[in-house]
Structures are given as C-alpha cells and as structure tokens.
C-alpha atoms as a PDB file:
ATOM      1  CA  MET A   1      19.733  -6.746 -12.000  1.00  0.00           C
ATOM      2  CA  LYS A   2      16.083  -6.358 -11.039  1.00  0.00           C
ATOM      3  CA  SER A   3      16.573  -7.739  -7.513  1.00  0.00           C
ATOM      4  CA  GLU A   4      19.717  -5.652  -7.071  1.00  0.00           C
ATOM      5  CA  THR A   5      17.766  -2.492  -7.931  1.00  0.00           C
ATOM      6  CA  LEU A   6      15.043  -3.512  -5.495  1.00  0.00           C
ATOM      7  CA  ARG A   7      17.511  -4.031  -2.647  1.00  0.00           C
ATOM      8  CA  LEU A   8      18.949  -0.576  -3.308  1.00  0.00           C
ATOM      9  CA  SER A   9      15.482   0.954  -3.238  1.00  0.00           C
ATOM     10  CA  ARG A  10      14.617  -0.713   0.056  1.00  0.00           C
ATOM     11  CA  ARG A  11      17.838   0.453   1.687  1.00  0.00           C
ATOM     12  CA  ASP A  12      17.226   3.974   0.400  1.00  0.00           C
ATOM     13  CA  ALA A  13      13.663   3.908   1.714  1.00  0.00           C
ATOM     14  CA  ILE A  14      14.913   3.007   5.191  1.00  0.00           C
ATOM     15  CA  ARG A  15      17.433   5.853   5.002  1.00  0.00           C
ATOM     16  CA  VAL A  16      14.713   8.292   3.950  1.00  0.00           C
ATOM     17  CA  GLY A  17      12.420   6.996   6.685  1.00  0.00           C
ATOM     18  CA  VAL A  18      14.979   7.426   9.426  1.00  0.00           C
ATOM     19  CA  SER A  19      16.402  10.769   8.347  1.00  0.00           C
ATOM     20  CA  ALA A  20      13.139  12.477   7.422  1.00  0.00           C
ATOM     21  CA  GLY A  21      10.859  10.659   9.857  1.00  0.00           C
ATOM     22  CA  LEU A  22       8.862   9.653   6.800  1.00  0.00           C
ATOM     23  CA  GLY A  23       6.808  12.786   7.275  1.00  0.00           C
ATOM     24  CA  ILE A  24       4.518  11.697   4.517  1.00  0.00           C
ATOM     25  CA  THR A  25       1.275  13.514   3.941  1.00  0.00           C
ATOM     26  CA  LEU A  26      -0.115  13.909   7.434  1.00  0.00           C
ATOM     27  CA  GLY A  27       3.086  14.775   9.239  1.00  0.00           C
ATOM     28  CA  ARG A  28       3.386  11.318  10.821  1.00  0.00           C
ATOM     29  CA  PHE A  29       4.395   7.865   9.618  1.00  0.00           C
ATOM     30  CA  PRO A  30       7.345   6.762  11.733  1.00  0.00           C
ATOM     31  CA  LEU A  31       5.852   3.487  13.006  1.00  0.00           C
ATOM     32  CA  ALA A  32       7.776   0.292  12.221  1.00  0.00           C
ATOM     33  CA  ALA A  33       4.632  -1.427  10.905  1.00  0.00           C
ATOM     34  CA  GLU A  34       3.990   1.403   8.475  1.00  0.00           C
ATOM     35  CA  LEU A  35       7.598   1.382   7.294  1.00  0.00           C
ATOM     36  CA  THR A  36       7.244  -2.351   6.708  1.00  0.00           C
ATOM     37  CA  ASP A  37       4.127  -1.671   4.636  1.00  0.00           C
ATOM     38  CA  LEU A  38       6.070   0.854   2.585  1.00  0.00           C
ATOM     39  CA  LEU A  39       8.868  -1.608   1.878  1.00  0.00           C
ATOM     40  CA  GLN A  40       6.371  -4.308   0.956  1.00  0.00           C
ATOM     41  CA  GLN A  41       4.696  -1.928  -1.474  1.00  0.00           C
ATOM     42  CA  MET A  42       8.002  -1.348  -3.223  1.00  0.00           C
ATOM     43  CA  GLN A  43       8.131  -5.046  -4.095  1.00  0.00           C
ATOM     44  CA  LEU A  44       4.737  -5.006  -5.834  1.00  0.00           C
ATOM     45  CA  PRO A  45       4.679  -4.900  -9.645  1.00  0.00           C
ATOM     46  CA  GLN A  46       4.570  -1.437 -11.169  1.00  0.00           C
ATOM     47  CA  ILE A  47       1.346  -0.635 -13.053  1.00  0.00           C
ATOM     48  CA  THR A  48       1.753   0.882 -16.492  1.00  0.00           C
ATOM     49  CA  ARG A  49      -0.648   2.049 -19.182  1.00  0.00           C
ATOM     50  CA  ALA A  50      -0.149   2.451 -22.910  1.00  0.00           C
ATOM     51  CA  ILE A  51      -0.115   5.751 -24.786  1.00  0.00           C
ATOM     52  CA  PRO A  52      -2.812   5.120 -27.413  1.00  0.00           C
ATOM     53  CA  ALA A  53      -0.868   6.764 -30.250  1.00  0.00           C
ATOM     54  CA  THR A  54       2.112   4.406 -30.012  1.00  0.00           C
ATOM     55  CA  GLY A  55       1.565   1.707 -27.400  1.00  0.00           C
ATOM     56  CA  GLU A  56       4.505   2.972 -25.333  1.00  0.00           C
ATOM     57  CA  ARG A  57       3.790   2.213 -21.681  1.00  0.00           C
ATOM     58  CA  LEU A  58       4.244   4.625 -18.789  1.00  0.00           C
ATOM     59  CA  PRO A  59       3.966   4.135 -15.016  1.00  0.00           C
ATOM     60  CA  LEU A  60       0.589   5.388 -13.831  1.00  0.00           C
ATOM     61  CA  VAL A  61       2.034   7.926 -11.385  1.00  0.00           C
ATOM     62  CA  GLY A  62       4.713  10.534 -12.062  1.00  0.00           C
ATOM     63  CA  ILE A  63       5.368  13.869 -10.386  1.00  0.00           C
ATOM     64  CA  SER A  64       4.779  17.555 -11.087  1.00  0.00           C
ATOM     65  CA  THR A  65       7.476  20.153 -10.429  1.00  0.00           C
ATOM     66  CA  SER A  66       5.022  22.975  -9.789  1.00  0.00           C
ATOM     67  CA  GLN A  67       6.810  23.646  -6.470  1.00  0.00           C
ATOM     68  CA  TYR A  68      10.333  23.871  -7.946  1.00  0.00           C
ATOM     69  CA  ASP A  69      10.497  27.650  -8.340  1.00  0.00           C
ATOM     70  CA  ALA A  70      13.702  28.021  -6.311  1.00  0.00           C
ATOM     71  CA  GLY A  71      16.456  30.581  -6.704  1.00  0.00           C
ATOM     72  CA  THR A  72      19.316  29.601  -4.397  1.00  0.00           C
ATOM     73  CA  PRO A  73      21.555  26.504  -4.180  1.00  0.00           C
ATOM     74  CA  LYS A  74      20.308  25.852  -0.654  1.00  0.00           C
ATOM     75  CA  LEU A  75      16.710  25.657  -1.868  1.00  0.00           C
ATOM     76  CA  VAL A  76      17.560  23.751  -5.050  1.00  0.00           C
ATOM     77  CA  ALA A  77      19.519  20.955  -3.314  1.00  0.00           C
ATOM     78  CA  PRO A  78      16.518  19.155  -1.724  1.00  0.00           C
ATOM     79  CA  LEU A  79      14.633  19.419  -5.012  1.00  0.00           C
ATOM     80  CA  CYS A  80      17.485  17.685  -6.820  1.00  0.00           C
ATOM     81  CA  ALA A  81      17.449  15.054  -4.069  1.00  0.00           C
ATOM     82  CA  ALA A  82      13.750  14.476  -4.719  1.00  0.00           C
ATOM     83  CA  LEU A  83      14.377  14.063  -8.457  1.00  0.00           C
ATOM     84  CA  ARG A  84      17.231  11.661  -7.743  1.00  0.00           C
ATOM     85  CA  LYS A  85      14.890   9.617  -5.557  1.00  0.00           C
ATOM     86  CA  PHE A  86      12.276   9.738  -8.323  1.00  0.00           C
ATOM     87  CA  SER A  87      14.723   8.225 -10.779  1.00  0.00           C
ATOM     88  CA  GLU A  88      15.970   5.605  -8.303  1.00  0.00           C
ATOM     89  CA  SER A  89      12.381   4.599  -7.500  1.00  0.00           C
ATOM     90  CA  GLU A  90      11.619   3.767 -11.149  1.00  0.00           C
ATOM     91  CA  GLY A  91       9.706   7.012 -11.648  1.00  0.00           C
ATOM     92  CA  LYS A  92       9.343   8.164 -15.219  1.00  0.00           C
ATOM     93  CA  VAL A  93       6.782  10.895 -16.024  1.00  0.00           C
ATOM     94  CA  LEU A  94       8.201  14.263 -14.963  1.00  0.00           C
ATOM     95  CA  ASP A  95       5.917  17.235 -15.577  1.00  0.00           C
ATOM     96  CA  THR A  96       6.955  20.881 -15.568  1.00  0.00           C
ATOM     97  CA  ALA A  97       5.793  24.115 -17.219  1.00  0.00           C
ATOM     98  CA  ARG A  98       6.961  27.562 -18.199  1.00  0.00           C
ATOM     99  CA  HIS A  99       4.423  29.173 -15.883  1.00  0.00           C
ATOM    100  CA  TYR A 100       5.975  27.440 -12.848  1.00  0.00           C
ATOM    101  CA  GLY A 101       8.521  30.253 -12.459  1.00  0.00           C
ATOM    102  CA  ARG A 102      12.093  28.891 -12.485  1.00  0.00           C
ATOM    103  CA  SER A 103      10.974  25.256 -12.342  1.00  0.00           C
ATOM    104  CA  GLU A 104      12.151  24.407 -15.858  1.00  0.00           C
ATOM    105  CA  GLU A 105      15.598  25.778 -15.089  1.00  0.00           C
ATOM    106  CA  VAL A 106      15.798  23.947 -11.760  1.00  0.00           C
ATOM    107  CA  VAL A 107      14.705  20.693 -13.373  1.00  0.00           C
ATOM    108  CA  GLY A 108      17.235  21.144 -16.154  1.00  0.00           C
ATOM    109  CA  GLN A 109      20.098  21.736 -13.726  1.00  0.00           C
ATOM    110  CA  CYS A 110      19.084  18.836 -11.486  1.00  0.00           C
ATOM    111  CA  LEU A 111      18.777  16.384 -14.360  1.00  0.00           C
ATOM    112  CA  LYS A 112      22.172  17.455 -15.658  1.00  0.00           C
ATOM    113  CA  ASP A 113      23.730  16.902 -12.226  1.00  0.00           C
ATOM    114  CA  ILE A 114      21.946  13.578 -11.664  1.00  0.00           C
ATOM    115  CA  GLY A 115      22.509  12.308 -15.195  1.00  0.00           C
ATOM    116  CA  SER A 116      19.079  10.665 -15.402  1.00  0.00           C
ATOM    117  CA  ARG A 117      17.499  12.523 -18.325  1.00  0.00           C
ATOM    118  CA  ASN A 118      17.326   9.455 -20.567  1.00  0.00           C
ATOM    119  CA  GLN A 119      15.417   7.475 -17.929  1.00  0.00           C
ATOM    120  CA  LEU A 120      12.581   9.995 -17.760  1.00  0.00           C
ATOM    121  CA  PHE A 121       9.543  10.989 -19.771  1.00  0.00           C
ATOM    122  CA  LEU A 122       9.913  14.777 -19.701  1.00  0.00           C
ATOM    123  CA  SER A 123       6.856  16.963 -20.297  1.00  0.00           C
ATOM    124  CA  THR A 124       6.513  20.734 -20.317  1.00  0.00           C
ATOM    125  CA  ARG A 125       3.930  23.326 -21.325  1.00  0.00           C
ATOM    126  CA  VAL A 126       4.112  26.682 -23.080  1.00  0.00           C
ATOM    127  CA  SER A 127       1.547  29.291 -24.069  1.00  0.00           C
ATOM    128  CA  LEU A 128       1.382  32.522 -26.007  1.00  0.00           C
ATOM    129  CA  PRO A 129       0.877  35.308 -23.478  1.00  0.00           C
ATOM    130  CA  ARG A 130      -2.427  37.102 -23.823  1.00  0.00           C
ATOM    131  CA  PRO A 131      -2.274  40.894 -23.822  1.00  0.00           C
ATOM    132  CA  LEU A 132      -1.850  41.971 -20.217  1.00  0.00           C
ATOM    133  CA  ALA A 133      -4.835  44.315 -20.463  1.00  0.00           C
ATOM    134  CA  ALA A 134      -7.069  41.413 -21.423  1.00  0.00           C
ATOM    135  CA  ARG A 135      -6.018  39.538 -18.291  1.00  0.00           C
ATOM    136  CA  SER A 136      -5.974  42.366 -15.792  1.00  0.00           C
ATOM    137  CA  GLY A 137      -8.408  44.954 -17.123  1.00  0.00           C
ATOM    138  CA  ARG A 138      -5.847  47.668 -16.422  1.00  0.00           C
ATOM    139  CA  GLY A 139      -6.394  49.502 -19.715  1.00  0.00           C
ATOM    140  CA  ALA A 140      -4.052  51.318 -22.121  1.00  0.00           C
ATOM    141  CA  ALA A 141      -0.957  51.366 -19.909  1.00  0.00           C
ATOM    142  CA  ALA A 142      -1.097  47.624 -19.419  1.00  0.00           C
ATOM    143  CA  ALA A 143      -1.690  47.063 -23.122  1.00  0.00           C
ATOM    144  CA  LYS A 144       1.377  49.144 -23.957  1.00  0.00           C
ATOM    145  CA  ALA A 145       3.518  47.182 -21.501  1.00  0.00           C
ATOM    146  CA  ALA A 146       2.431  43.950 -23.168  1.00  0.00           C
ATOM    147  CA  SER A 147       2.764  45.193 -26.733  1.00  0.00           C
ATOM    148  CA  LYS A 148       6.171  43.654 -27.450  1.00  0.00           C
ATOM    149  CA  PRO A 149       5.567  40.887 -30.003  1.00  0.00           C
ATOM    150  CA  VAL A 150       6.276  37.302 -28.969  1.00  0.00           C
ATOM    151  CA  ASP A 151       7.900  34.897 -31.409  1.00  0.00           C
ATOM    152  CA  PRO A 152       6.194  31.515 -30.827  1.00  0.00           C
ATOM    153  CA  ALA A 153       9.212  29.587 -32.146  1.00  0.00           C
ATOM    154  CA  GLU A 154      11.520  31.433 -29.773  1.00  0.00           C
ATOM    155  CA  LEU A 155       9.149  30.784 -26.896  1.00  0.00           C
ATOM    156  CA  ILE A 156       9.270  27.053 -27.584  1.00  0.00           C
ATOM    157  CA  GLU A 157      13.043  27.091 -27.981  1.00  0.00           C
ATOM    158  CA  GLN A 158      13.375  28.603 -24.522  1.00  0.00           C
ATOM    159  CA  ALA A 159      11.886  25.426 -23.049  1.00  0.00           C
ATOM    160  CA  PHE A 160      14.703  23.349 -24.542  1.00  0.00           C
ATOM    161  CA  THR A 161      17.269  25.852 -23.276  1.00  0.00           C
ATOM    162  CA  ARG A 162      15.895  26.033 -19.751  1.00  0.00           C
ATOM    163  CA  LEU A 163      15.607  22.268 -19.457  1.00  0.00           C
ATOM    164  CA  GLN A 164      19.055  21.771 -21.056  1.00  0.00           C
ATOM    165  CA  VAL A 165      17.759  19.091 -23.425  1.00  0.00           C
ATOM    166  CA  ASP A 166      17.793  18.476 -27.158  1.00  0.00           C
ATOM    167  CA  ARG A 167      14.521  16.538 -27.159  1.00  0.00           C
ATOM    168  CA  LEU A 168      11.251  16.656 -25.241  1.00  0.00           C
ATOM    169  CA  ASP A 169       8.986  13.687 -24.732  1.00  0.00           C
ATOM    170  CA  LEU A 170       5.809  15.767 -24.498  1.00  0.00           C
ATOM    171  CA  LEU A 171       5.058  19.391 -25.366  1.00  0.00           C
ATOM    172  CA  LEU A 172       1.656  20.852 -24.515  1.00  0.00           C
ATOM    173  CA  VAL A 173      -0.138  24.153 -24.989  1.00  0.00           C
ATOM    174  CA  GLN A 174      -0.933  25.554 -21.550  1.00  0.00           C
ATOM    175  CA  ASN A 175      -4.582  26.559 -20.961  1.00  0.00           C
ATOM    176  CA  LEU A 176      -5.212  26.556 -24.723  1.00  0.00           C
ATOM    177  CA  GLU A 177      -3.499  29.972 -25.008  1.00  0.00           C
ATOM    178  CA  GLY A 178      -2.120  30.286 -28.529  1.00  0.00           C
ATOM    179  CA  ALA A 179      -3.126  26.759 -29.563  1.00  0.00           C
ATOM    180  CA  ALA A 180      -3.828  27.799 -33.168  1.00  0.00           C
ATOM    181  CA  GLU A 181      -0.331  29.272 -33.550  1.00  0.00           C
ATOM    182  CA  LEU A 182       1.587  26.743 -31.453  1.00  0.00           C
ATOM    183  CA  LEU A 183       0.191  23.382 -32.571  1.00  0.00           C
ATOM    184  CA  PRO A 184       1.544  23.640 -36.152  1.00  0.00           C
ATOM    185  CA  LEU A 185       4.978  24.436 -34.697  1.00  0.00           C
ATOM    186  CA  PHE A 186       4.668  21.503 -32.300  1.00  0.00           C
ATOM    187  CA  GLN A 187       3.821  19.251 -35.236  1.00  0.00           C
ATOM    188  CA  ARG A 188       6.941  20.316 -37.135  1.00  0.00           C
ATOM    189  CA  LEU A 189       9.087  19.628 -34.091  1.00  0.00           C
ATOM    190  CA  LYS A 190       7.487  16.207 -33.837  1.00  0.00           C
ATOM    191  CA  GLU A 191       8.248  15.499 -37.486  1.00  0.00           C
ATOM    192  CA  THR A 192      11.903  16.410 -36.970  1.00  0.00           C
ATOM    193  CA  GLY A 193      12.165  14.258 -33.841  1.00  0.00           C
ATOM    194  CA  ARG A 194      12.799  17.039 -31.336  1.00  0.00           C
ATOM    195  CA  VAL A 195       9.411  16.362 -29.700  1.00  0.00           C
ATOM    196  CA  ARG A 196       7.933  12.884 -29.381  1.00  0.00           C
ATOM    197  CA  TYR A 197       4.324  13.703 -28.410  1.00  0.00           C
ATOM    198  CA  ILE A 198       2.193  16.852 -28.585  1.00  0.00           C
ATOM    199  CA  GLY A 199      -1.034  18.039 -27.035  1.00  0.00           C
ATOM    200  CA  VAL A 200      -2.997  20.709 -25.192  1.00  0.00           C
ATOM    201  CA  GLY A 201      -4.108  21.157 -21.618  1.00  0.00           C
ATOM    202  CA  THR A 202      -6.187  23.306 -19.326  1.00  0.00           C
ATOM    203  CA  SER A 203      -6.860  23.663 -15.621  1.00  0.00           C
ATOM    204  CA  ASN A 204      -9.941  25.811 -16.291  1.00  0.00           C
ATOM    205  CA  ASP A 205     -13.316  24.052 -16.339  1.00  0.00           C
ATOM    206  CA  SER A 206     -14.811  26.788 -18.522  1.00  0.00           C
ATOM    207  CA  GLN A 207     -12.376  25.845 -21.295  1.00  0.00           C
ATOM    208  CA  TYR A 208     -13.580  22.248 -21.636  1.00  0.00           C
ATOM    209  CA  PRO A 209     -15.866  22.971 -24.631  1.00  0.00           C
ATOM    210  CA  ALA A 210     -12.963  24.637 -26.467  1.00  0.00           C
ATOM    211  CA  LEU A 211     -10.640  21.822 -25.433  1.00  0.00           C
ATOM    212  CA  MET A 212     -13.020  19.241 -26.873  1.00  0.00           C
ATOM    213  CA  ASP A 213     -13.269  21.225 -30.105  1.00  0.00           C
ATOM    214  CA  ILE A 214      -9.471  21.015 -30.440  1.00  0.00           C
ATOM    215  CA  MET A 215      -9.556  17.299 -29.627  1.00  0.00           C
ATOM    216  CA  ARG A 216     -12.003  16.777 -32.487  1.00  0.00           C
ATOM    217  CA  SER A 217     -10.237  18.992 -35.030  1.00  0.00           C
ATOM    218  CA  HIS A 218      -6.552  18.187 -34.398  1.00  0.00           C
ATOM    219  CA  THR A 219      -4.421  15.078 -34.153  1.00  0.00           C
ATOM    220  CA  LEU A 220      -3.283  15.071 -30.537  1.00  0.00           C
ATOM    221  CA  ASP A 221      -1.276  12.524 -28.590  1.00  0.00           C
ATOM    222  CA  PHE A 222      -2.107  13.910 -25.127  1.00  0.00           C
ATOM    223  CA  ILE A 223      -4.383  16.233 -23.252  1.00  0.00           C
ATOM    224  CA  GLN A 224      -3.775  17.448 -19.717  1.00  0.00           C
ATOM    225  CA  VAL A 225      -6.593  18.315 -17.299  1.00  0.00           C
ATOM    226  CA  ASP A 226      -7.152  18.654 -13.572  1.00  0.00           C
ATOM    227  CA  TYR A 227      -8.812  15.480 -12.296  1.00  0.00           C
ATOM    228  CA  ALA A 228      -9.211  14.423  -8.661  1.00  0.00           C
ATOM    229  CA  ILE A 229     -11.726  12.812  -6.318  1.00  0.00           C
ATOM    230  CA  ASN A 230     -12.985  16.309  -5.445  1.00  0.00           C
ATOM    231  CA  ASN A 231     -12.789  17.567  -9.041  1.00  0.00           C
ATOM    232  CA  ARG A 232     -14.455  15.005 -11.299  1.00  0.00           C
ATOM    233  CA  LYS A 233     -15.858  17.304 -13.977  1.00  0.00           C
ATOM    234  CA  PRO A 234     -13.489  16.046 -16.702  1.00  0.00           C
ATOM    235  CA  ALA A 235     -15.048  12.592 -16.332  1.00  0.00           C
ATOM    236  CA  GLN A 236     -18.385  13.899 -17.593  1.00  0.00           C
ATOM    237  CA  ALA A 237     -17.345  14.567 -21.201  1.00  0.00           C
ATOM    238  CA  VAL A 238     -13.606  15.212 -21.636  1.00  0.00           C
ATOM    239  CA  LEU A 239     -12.311  11.812 -20.545  1.00  0.00           C
ATOM    240  CA  PRO A 240     -14.904   9.851 -22.557  1.00  0.00           C
ATOM    241  CA  LEU A 241     -13.939  11.878 -25.643  1.00  0.00           C
ATOM    242  CA  ALA A 242     -10.268  11.137 -24.975  1.00  0.00           C
ATOM    243  CA  LEU A 243     -11.067   7.419 -24.944  1.00  0.00           C
ATOM    244  CA  GLU A 244     -13.065   7.767 -28.151  1.00  0.00           C
ATOM    245  CA  LYS A 245     -10.324   9.737 -29.944  1.00  0.00           C
ATOM    246  CA  LYS A 246      -7.528   7.577 -28.481  1.00  0.00           C
ATOM    247  CA  ILE A 247      -5.823  10.522 -26.788  1.00  0.00           C
ATOM    248  CA  ALA A 248      -3.770   9.933 -23.637  1.00  0.00           C
ATOM    249  CA  VAL A 249      -4.725  11.910 -20.527  1.00  0.00           C
ATOM    250  CA  LEU A 250      -2.222  13.392 -18.091  1.00  0.00           C
ATOM    251  CA  ALA A 251      -4.022  14.187 -14.819  1.00  0.00           C
ATOM    252  CA  THR A 252      -2.799  17.333 -13.076  1.00  0.00           C
ATOM    253  CA  ALA A 253      -3.550  18.140  -9.422  1.00  0.00           C
ATOM    254  CA  PRO A 254      -4.757  14.552  -8.782  1.00  0.00           C
ATOM    255  CA  LEU A 255      -4.869  15.188  -5.031  1.00  0.00           C
ATOM    256  CA  GLY A 256      -7.157  18.187  -5.507  1.00  0.00           C
ATOM    257  CA  ARG A 257      -6.214  21.849  -5.553  1.00  0.00           C
ATOM    258  CA  THR A 258      -8.313  22.236  -2.414  1.00  0.00           C
ATOM    259  CA  SER A 259      -6.838  19.117  -0.923  1.00  0.00           C
ATOM    260  CA  ALA A 260      -9.111  16.120  -0.544  1.00  0.00           C
ATOM    261  CA  LEU A 261      -6.981  15.264   2.465  1.00  0.00           C
ATOM    262  CA  GLN A 262      -8.697  17.971   4.490  1.00  0.00           C
ATOM    263  CA  ARG A 263     -11.780  15.774   4.726  1.00  0.00           C
ATOM    264  CA  VAL A 264      -9.906  12.739   6.045  1.00  0.00           C
ATOM    265  CA  ARG A 265      -7.132  14.297   8.108  1.00  0.00           C
ATOM    266  CA  GLY A 266      -6.534  12.232  11.231  1.00  0.00           C
ATOM    267  CA  ARG A 267      -8.924   9.474  10.200  1.00  0.00           C
ATOM    268  CA  PRO A 268      -7.732   5.850  10.010  1.00  0.00           C
ATOM    269  CA  LEU A 269      -7.638   4.197   6.621  1.00  0.00           C
ATOM    270  CA  PRO A 270     -10.710   2.130   5.735  1.00  0.00           C
ATOM    271  CA  ASP A 271     -10.310  -1.641   5.897  1.00  0.00           C
ATOM    272  CA  TRP A 272     -10.663  -1.975   2.134  1.00  0.00           C
ATOM    273  CA  ALA A 273      -7.533   0.140   1.548  1.00  0.00           C
ATOM    274  CA  ARG A 274      -5.421  -3.011   1.691  1.00  0.00           C
ATOM    275  CA  THR A 275      -7.464  -4.607  -1.075  1.00  0.00           C
ATOM    276  CA  ILE A 276      -5.983  -1.981  -3.396  1.00  0.00           C
ATOM    277  CA  ASP A 277      -2.534  -2.046  -1.743  1.00  0.00           C
ATOM    278  CA  CYS A 278      -2.741   1.440  -0.216  1.00  0.00           C
ATOM    279  CA  THR A 279      -1.126   2.509   3.048  1.00  0.00           C
ATOM    280  CA  THR A 280      -1.908   6.266   2.924  1.00  0.00           C
ATOM    281  CA  TRP A 281      -4.851   8.469   1.982  1.00  0.00           C
ATOM    282  CA  ASN A 282      -2.793  10.048  -0.812  1.00  0.00           C
ATOM    283  CA  GLN A 283      -2.345   6.649  -2.400  1.00  0.00           C
ATOM    284  CA  ILE A 284      -6.087   5.970  -2.222  1.00  0.00           C
ATOM    285  CA  PHE A 285      -6.884   9.242  -3.977  1.00  0.00           C
ATOM    286  CA  LEU A 286      -4.131   8.753  -6.563  1.00  0.00           C
ATOM    287  CA  LYS A 287      -5.316   5.233  -7.336  1.00  0.00           C
ATOM    288  CA  TYR A 288      -8.848   6.547  -7.751  1.00  0.00           C
ATOM    289  CA  VAL A 289      -7.604   8.942 -10.455  1.00  0.00           C
ATOM    290  CA  VAL A 290      -5.412   6.489 -12.357  1.00  0.00           C
ATOM    291  CA  SER A 291      -8.036   3.743 -12.265  1.00  0.00           C
ATOM    292  CA  HIS A 292      -9.990   5.726 -14.853  1.00  0.00           C
ATOM    293  CA  PRO A 293      -9.116   4.019 -18.164  1.00  0.00           C
ATOM    294  CA  ALA A 294      -8.472   7.301 -19.991  1.00  0.00           C
ATOM    295  CA  VAL A 295      -5.718   8.389 -17.581  1.00  0.00           C
ATOM    296  CA  VAL A 296      -2.243   7.317 -18.689  1.00  0.00           C
ATOM    297  CA  ALA A 297      -0.492   9.057 -15.780  1.00  0.00           C
ATOM    298  CA  ALA A 298      -1.221  11.340 -12.828  1.00  0.00           C
ATOM    299  CA  VAL A 299       1.339  13.938 -11.768  1.00  0.00           C
ATOM    300  CA  PRO A 300       0.974  15.058  -8.134  1.00  0.00           C
ATOM    301  CA  ALA A 301       3.265  17.848  -6.963  1.00  0.00           C
ATOM    302  CA  ALA A 302       6.221  16.396  -5.048  1.00  0.00           C
ATOM    303  CA  ASN A 303       9.233  18.334  -3.805  1.00  0.00           C
ATOM    304  CA  ARG A 304      10.516  15.963  -1.107  1.00  0.00           C
ATOM    305  CA  ALA A 305      12.127  12.549  -1.432  1.00  0.00           C
ATOM    306  CA  GLU A 306       9.658  10.881   0.940  1.00  0.00           C
ATOM    307  CA  GLN A 307       6.720  12.195  -1.105  1.00  0.00           C
ATOM    308  CA  VAL A 308       8.252  10.725  -4.243  1.00  0.00           C
ATOM    309  CA  VAL A 309       8.506   7.277  -2.637  1.00  0.00           C
ATOM    310  CA  GLU A 310       4.916   7.405  -1.389  1.00  0.00           C
ATOM    311  CA  TYR A 311       3.468   8.612  -4.688  1.00  0.00           C
ATOM    312  CA  ASN A 312       5.509   6.186  -6.798  1.00  0.00           C
ATOM    313  CA  ASN A 313       4.168   3.343  -4.696  1.00  0.00           C
ATOM    314  CA  ALA A 314       0.641   4.321  -5.751  1.00  0.00           C
ATOM    315  CA  ALA A 315       1.640   2.966  -9.177  1.00  0.00           C
ATOM    316  CA  ARG A 316       2.120  -0.502  -7.712  1.00  0.00           C
ATOM    317  CA  GLY A 317      -0.187  -3.349  -6.810  1.00  0.00           C
ATOM    318  CA  ARG A 318      -3.946  -3.384  -7.425  1.00  0.00           C
ATOM    319  CA  LEU A 319      -6.282  -0.647  -8.656  1.00  0.00           C
ATOM    320  CA  PRO A 320      -9.831   0.093  -7.473  1.00  0.00           C
ATOM    321  CA  ASP A 321     -12.588  -1.671  -9.395  1.00  0.00           C
ATOM    322  CA  GLU A 322     -15.904   0.043 -10.104  1.00  0.00           C
ATOM    323  CA  ARG A 323     -17.321  -0.911  -6.712  1.00  0.00           C
ATOM    324  CA  VAL A 324     -14.366   0.602  -4.846  1.00  0.00           C
ATOM    325  CA  ARG A 325     -14.402   3.687  -7.083  1.00  0.00           C
ATOM    326  CA  GLU A 326     -18.053   4.236  -6.184  1.00  0.00           C
ATOM    327  CA  THR A 327     -17.233   3.821  -2.485  1.00  0.00           C
ATOM    328  CA  ILE A 328     -14.475   6.444  -2.743  1.00  0.00           C
ATOM    329  CA  GLU A 329     -16.779   8.847  -4.589  1.00  0.00           C
ATOM    330  CA  LEU A 330     -19.614   8.376  -2.121  1.00  0.00           C
ATOM    331  CA  ASN A 331     -17.513   8.882   0.981  1.00  0.00           C
ATOM    332  CA  TYR A 332     -14.776  11.301  -0.030  1.00  0.00           C
ATOM    333  CA  GLY A 333     -15.803  13.127  -3.205  1.00  0.00           C
ATOM    334  CA  LYS A 334     -17.776  16.334  -3.417  1.00  0.00           C
ATOM    335  CA  SER A 335     -20.736  16.587  -5.783  1.00  0.00           C
ATOM    336  CA  THR A 336     -19.834  17.533  -9.331  1.00  0.00           C
END
C-alpha cells in the first residue's frame, strides 16, 4: 500500500510539473534535474514530531489557508485542488481562522467535496471582537456600531458550521482577544470530545508577555506564534517556555511576513542545502523553523498545488543541526 501511494504521488507530481510549469517560489523550476530532485524528495521519510500533551505525532509542515478568502466557484476550484493535493501528498496539519474572511467556509466546502476530513488535523482560531472604537479610535459612533453583544458560545459554534465538521482537532484564541472568556468554553468542548486540543496564539510581538502569562496560568496544548528566519523573537523567551511547559508550538508565517525570499531571489542554493535535503530556498527556511525543538508544525500559506508539494517535501529527509542553523541565521536572518 505504501509503495502504491508513492507511485501515485510521483505520477501526480509529474502532472503538476508539466501543467503548471512547477512555478514554485521563484517563478521558475521547469528543469528536468530539478523535477528529478523533487521526485527523489518525495521518497524520503516524512519527519514528524510529538504533541507533548498526548504523544500524537504530526508532520512538521502543514499549510495555512490564509489566502482562501474566495467568493466564486471559479476562484474556489484551484483552492480545492490544492487541498486535494495536500491530502494526496500525506499532508496533515491544515490551519485556518475566522479572521481569514471566507476561508473557513471554503475549506469546509472543499473538504466535503474531497472527502478527506478524517485524514487531516484541522485547526482554526476565534476571538471575541474588541469594541470597534478601541481598535479604530473613531469615537462614539463606532462604539455604537459595535455595541451589539457577542455570545462567545455562538461564535465558537459558527466555526463548526462554516467548516462543516462535528469535531475540531485544535481550537485557538486568536491574538489573545477574549482568552479569559473563551478558554473555559474551549475546555468544556474538549471534555465533551468536540475539540481535541486547545490553545492561544498571537502574531503581535507586544503580546508575548501576556501570552507567557497565559501559558503559565492555564493548561494549554498548543500556542501559535509567528516564527521565521527573519522573525526570531519568539525564540528568545516564548519557545523556551513552551518547551518547559510541554506546550506544542504551531509556527505561523514561517517564510516571513516580509518574505525572507527577497534577500535570496535569483541566488543559487548553497552547497550545503543538499545535506539537509533541500532543493528550494523555501524548503531551507521552512526546515530552519521546524528544526527548533519546540515547533511541532509550521504552516506556510499555500493556495496552489505545486506549493503544497514543495512545502510538504520540507517535512522529509534531514533537518539542520545547530551548525547549519547558525549558518542560516548568519547569512539570511535579520538581527532580532
């Protein structure tokens, strides 16, 4: 069965390469030698890491659906194709969020059509909206517009409805907003089996002290933070605390929100890239992130089938050791 699945994946990779020109990352990648490298990568063993709370193992690289805010069948179709490829390529961790527009709904429809929900580790995030005036500074009129009360339980239930699922693998509080109200509700859902893991996340560096307070005062399975070669601040205190408290880390934006690729665009890969089984710069930067022992999975945004193949392959083969990590930091990481 294993070899049969592998043959299917290789054939699919060739189809993707021919039809899409394997426009991975830098807008080029059609060379036969590079396609051979890609196929060889797909035969390498998949790297997994255990969730500390249970020992369940997950592949080190999943995908984020932050770019799945689509409203028409024409726009949704290629997104469903990407999710199908994700499932066929042994992908597992699928990250979405309420604040990604219609992404939850698109993911729910695609998974229903594909029929792969049970193969995936599905994560989403919710938050209690802050008063609009507090966010925008627009005064009394804005406060009045935001005055309608929000039922936290109803807010959570909407995630199940949009995703068309009865159970979530991971439910997180987005940017700590409403953590005090939401975490007890998350815990009840976990006790009833509707949610398997719970946690909190933030993409705001200024919230790290508050995040660490929650990590110390609550029983969390996961946290989610931005972590990339050009955004290493979480490694200073948050990730060490996660290791200490045995909390899994989901790394968002692992390729950098201001893309680390800008610094290497057009440059050949370094010779040592093959020592960690990388054939693209994206894979180097992803492997840097997931080689941190606190990170259970990284979720780069991927909305095309060829991206999914490339990113999934970063969860195969060898990881950077400390010497290679230092080389990557020295040459391609900004000061933090």
